[in-house]
């Protein structure tokens, strides 16, 4: 499927939409710079755009990008695996860092805290 543009299309669908005009702004007819009126095709879908965008972002989290790079022609080159910037990944989505694994000192501390409590 390389070269078919499927991955690029998914990234485009997962990208955030530009700000749209409110119903009041459309009725009054005031044009605002940087604002886009919703297209006719987007209003005909039964699923909300936000829901669809989220599903495509979850799909992108499951599709790795394999990139081959070669610094010099005589070098064998290296492969790099990454995810799309539009993908929803727990560390990106929730913004938290992974906690270190519990070691023996932590377990002992927790056991003493439970005994006191």
C-alpha atoms as a PDB file:
ATOM      1  CA  UNK A   1       0.000   0.000   0.000  1.00  0.00           C
ATOM      2  CA  UNK A   2       3.009   2.277  -0.153  1.00  0.00           C
ATOM      3  CA  UNK A   3       2.503   5.175  -2.495  1.00  0.00           C
ATOM      4  CA  UNK A   4      -1.307   4.832  -2.406  1.00  0.00           C
ATOM      5  CA  UNK A   5      -1.695   7.838  -0.104  1.00  0.00           C
ATOM      6  CA  UNK A   6      -3.866   5.969   2.405  1.00  0.00           C
ATOM      7  CA  UNK A   7      -1.706   6.893   5.400  1.00  0.00           C
ATOM      8  CA  UNK A   8      -1.591  10.550   4.383  1.00  0.00           C
ATOM      9  CA  UNK A   9      -5.381  10.566   3.992  1.00  0.00           C
ATOM     10  CA  UNK A  10      -5.816   9.139   7.501  1.00  0.00           C
ATOM     11  CA  UNK A  11      -3.474  11.792   8.913  1.00  0.00           C
ATOM     12  CA  UNK A  12      -5.457  14.480   7.114  1.00  0.00           C
ATOM     13  CA  UNK A  13      -8.730  13.176   8.568  1.00  0.00           C
ATOM     14  CA  UNK A  14      -7.221  12.976  12.066  1.00  0.00           C
ATOM     15  CA  UNK A  15      -5.852  16.530  12.015  1.00  0.00           C
ATOM     16  CA  UNK A  16      -7.755  19.182  13.959  1.00  0.00           C
ATOM     17  CA  UNK A  17     -10.190  21.223  11.929  1.00  0.00           C
ATOM     18  CA  UNK A  18      -9.805  24.970  11.454  1.00  0.00           C
ATOM     19  CA  UNK A  19     -12.144  27.153  13.480  1.00  0.00           C
ATOM     20  CA  UNK A  20     -15.598  27.366  11.922  1.00  0.00           C
ATOM     21  CA  UNK A  21     -18.135  30.155  11.924  1.00  0.00           C
ATOM     22  CA  UNK A  22     -20.844  30.008  14.563  1.00  0.00           C
ATOM     23  CA  UNK A  23     -24.488  29.836  13.534  1.00  0.00           C
ATOM     24  CA  UNK A  24     -24.947  33.507  14.475  1.00  0.00           C
ATOM     25  CA  UNK A  25     -21.932  34.549  12.371  1.00  0.00           C
ATOM     26  CA  UNK A  26     -23.248  32.570   9.371  1.00  0.00           C
ATOM     27  CA  UNK A  27     -26.717  34.131   9.695  1.00  0.00           C
ATOM     28  CA  UNK A  28     -25.399  37.674  10.032  1.00  0.00           C
ATOM     29  CA  UNK A  29     -22.896  37.129   7.230  1.00  0.00           C
ATOM     30  CA  UNK A  30     -19.877  38.645   8.925  1.00  0.00           C
ATOM     31  CA  UNK A  31     -16.716  37.170   7.492  1.00  0.00           C
ATOM     32  CA  UNK A  32     -13.929  36.601   9.983  1.00  0.00           C
ATOM     33  CA  UNK A  33     -10.367  35.969   8.937  1.00  0.00           C
ATOM     34  CA  UNK A  34      -9.080  32.511   9.756  1.00  0.00           C
ATOM     35  CA  UNK A  35     -12.591  31.115  10.045  1.00  0.00           C
ATOM     36  CA  UNK A  36     -13.984  28.546   7.641  1.00  0.00           C
ATOM     37  CA  UNK A  37     -17.630  27.820   6.946  1.00  0.00           C
ATOM     38  CA  UNK A  38     -18.465  24.100   7.344  1.00  0.00           C
ATOM     39  CA  UNK A  39     -18.672  22.180   4.095  1.00  0.00           C
ATOM     40  CA  UNK A  40     -21.901  20.600   2.873  1.00  0.00           C
ATOM     41  CA  UNK A  41     -20.451  17.068   3.089  1.00  0.00           C
ATOM     42  CA  UNK A  42     -19.493  17.440   6.759  1.00  0.00           C
ATOM     43  CA  UNK A  43     -23.056  18.349   7.777  1.00  0.00           C
ATOM     44  CA  UNK A  44     -24.544  15.307   5.984  1.00  0.00           C
ATOM     45  CA  UNK A  45     -22.596  12.677   7.965  1.00  0.00           C
ATOM     46  CA  UNK A  46     -24.369  10.903  10.789  1.00  0.00           C
ATOM     47  CA  UNK A  47     -21.262  10.579  12.967  1.00  0.00           C
ATOM     48  CA  UNK A  48     -19.847  13.658  14.685  1.00  0.00           C
ATOM     49  CA  UNK A  49     -16.574  14.953  13.242  1.00  0.00           C
ATOM     50  CA  UNK A  50     -14.973  14.913  16.674  1.00  0.00           C
ATOM     51  CA  UNK A  51     -15.805  11.208  17.099  1.00  0.00           C
ATOM     52  CA  UNK A  52     -14.440  10.341  13.642  1.00  0.00           C
ATOM     53  CA  UNK A  53     -11.281  12.382  14.183  1.00  0.00           C
ATOM     54  CA  UNK A  54     -10.655  10.592  17.471  1.00  0.00           C
ATOM     55  CA  UNK A  55     -11.091   7.151  15.841  1.00  0.00           C
ATOM     56  CA  UNK A  56      -8.613   8.036  13.101  1.00  0.00           C
ATOM     57  CA  UNK A  57      -6.138   9.288  15.717  1.00  0.00           C
ATOM     58  CA  UNK A  58      -6.479   5.985  17.599  1.00  0.00           C
ATOM     59  CA  UNK A  59      -5.911   4.131  14.325  1.00  0.00           C
ATOM     60  CA  UNK A  60      -2.739   6.148  13.698  1.00  0.00           C
ATOM     61  CA  UNK A  61      -1.459   5.047  17.110  1.00  0.00           C
ATOM     62  CA  UNK A  62      -1.580   1.457  15.845  1.00  0.00           C
ATOM     63  CA  UNK A  63       0.175   2.159  12.521  1.00  0.00           C
ATOM     64  CA  UNK A  64       3.953   2.504  12.905  1.00  0.00           C
ATOM     65  CA  UNK A  65       5.964   4.524  10.413  1.00  0.00           C
ATOM     66  CA  UNK A  66       9.129   2.752   9.264  1.00  0.00           C
ATOM     67  CA  UNK A  67      11.759   5.189   7.958  1.00  0.00           C
ATOM     68  CA  UNK A  68      15.024   4.122   6.339  1.00  0.00           C
ATOM     69  CA  UNK A  69      17.981   6.488   6.583  1.00  0.00           C
ATOM     70  CA  UNK A  70      21.487   6.157   5.218  1.00  0.00           C
ATOM     71  CA  UNK A  71      24.138   8.708   6.146  1.00  0.00           C
ATOM     72  CA  UNK A  72      26.708   7.609   3.572  1.00  0.00           C
ATOM     73  CA  UNK A  73      26.327   5.404   0.529  1.00  0.00           C
ATOM     74  CA  UNK A  74      28.837   2.892   1.889  1.00  0.00           C
ATOM     75  CA  UNK A  75      26.954   2.563   5.222  1.00  0.00           C
ATOM     76  CA  UNK A  76      24.279  -0.135   5.509  1.00  0.00           C
ATOM     77  CA  UNK A  77      21.754   2.391   6.845  1.00  0.00           C
ATOM     78  CA  UNK A  78      19.295   2.229   9.716  1.00  0.00           C
ATOM     79  CA  UNK A  79      15.572   1.837  10.156  1.00  0.00           C
ATOM     80  CA  UNK A  80      13.634   4.029  12.562  1.00  0.00           C
ATOM     81  CA  UNK A  81      10.140   3.289  13.830  1.00  0.00           C
ATOM     82  CA  UNK A  82       7.905   6.175  14.879  1.00  0.00           C
ATOM     83  CA  UNK A  83       4.269   7.197  15.171  1.00  0.00           C
ATOM     84  CA  UNK A  84       2.391   9.992  13.460  1.00  0.00           C
ATOM     85  CA  UNK A  85       2.194  13.332  15.260  1.00  0.00           C
ATOM     86  CA  UNK A  86      -1.610  13.081  14.994  1.00  0.00           C
ATOM     87  CA  UNK A  87      -1.744   9.718  16.819  1.00  0.00           C
ATOM     88  CA  UNK A  88      -3.294   9.465  20.277  1.00  0.00           C
ATOM     89  CA  UNK A  89      -0.714   7.829  22.489  1.00  0.00           C
ATOM     90  CA  UNK A  90      -1.375   7.622  26.249  1.00  0.00           C
ATOM     91  CA  UNK A  91       1.808   9.507  27.145  1.00  0.00           C
ATOM     92  CA  UNK A  92       0.975  12.279  24.657  1.00  0.00           C
ATOM     93  CA  UNK A  93      -2.751  12.304  25.352  1.00  0.00           C
ATOM     94  CA  UNK A  94      -2.581  12.365  29.136  1.00  0.00           C
ATOM     95  CA  UNK A  95       0.709  14.213  29.338  1.00  0.00           C
ATOM     96  CA  UNK A  96       2.122  12.052  32.100  1.00  0.00           C
ATOM     97  CA  UNK A  97       5.493  10.418  32.363  1.00  0.00           C
ATOM     98  CA  UNK A  98       5.853   6.732  32.989  1.00  0.00           C
ATOM     99  CA  UNK A  99       6.551   5.976  36.608  1.00  0.00           C
ATOM    100  CA  UNK A 100       9.558   3.916  37.588  1.00  0.00           C
ATOM    101  CA  UNK A 101       8.919   0.302  38.496  1.00  0.00           C
ATOM    102  CA  UNK A 102       8.433  -0.521  42.149  1.00  0.00           C
ATOM    103  CA  UNK A 103      11.609  -1.780  43.812  1.00  0.00           C
ATOM    104  CA  UNK A 104      12.177  -3.566  47.144  1.00  0.00           C
ATOM    105  CA  UNK A 105      12.489  -0.295  49.078  1.00  0.00           C
ATOM    106  CA  UNK A 106       9.096   0.909  47.798  1.00  0.00           C
ATOM    107  CA  UNK A 107       7.428  -2.410  48.648  1.00  0.00           C
ATOM    108  CA  UNK A 108       8.836  -2.303  52.184  1.00  0.00           C
ATOM    109  CA  UNK A 109       7.655   1.284  52.627  1.00  0.00           C
ATOM    110  CA  UNK A 110       4.144   0.385  51.404  1.00  0.00           C
ATOM    111  CA  UNK A 111       3.964  -2.619  53.731  1.00  0.00           C
ATOM    112  CA  UNK A 112       4.953  -0.494  56.753  1.00  0.00           C
ATOM    113  CA  UNK A 113       2.436   2.183  55.792  1.00  0.00           C
ATOM    114  CA  UNK A 114      -0.360  -0.436  55.603  1.00  0.00           C
ATOM    115  CA  UNK A 115       0.597  -1.861  59.001  1.00  0.00           C
ATOM    116  CA  UNK A 116       0.432   1.583  60.637  1.00  0.00           C
ATOM    117  CA  UNK A 117      -2.871   2.475  59.028  1.00  0.00           C
END
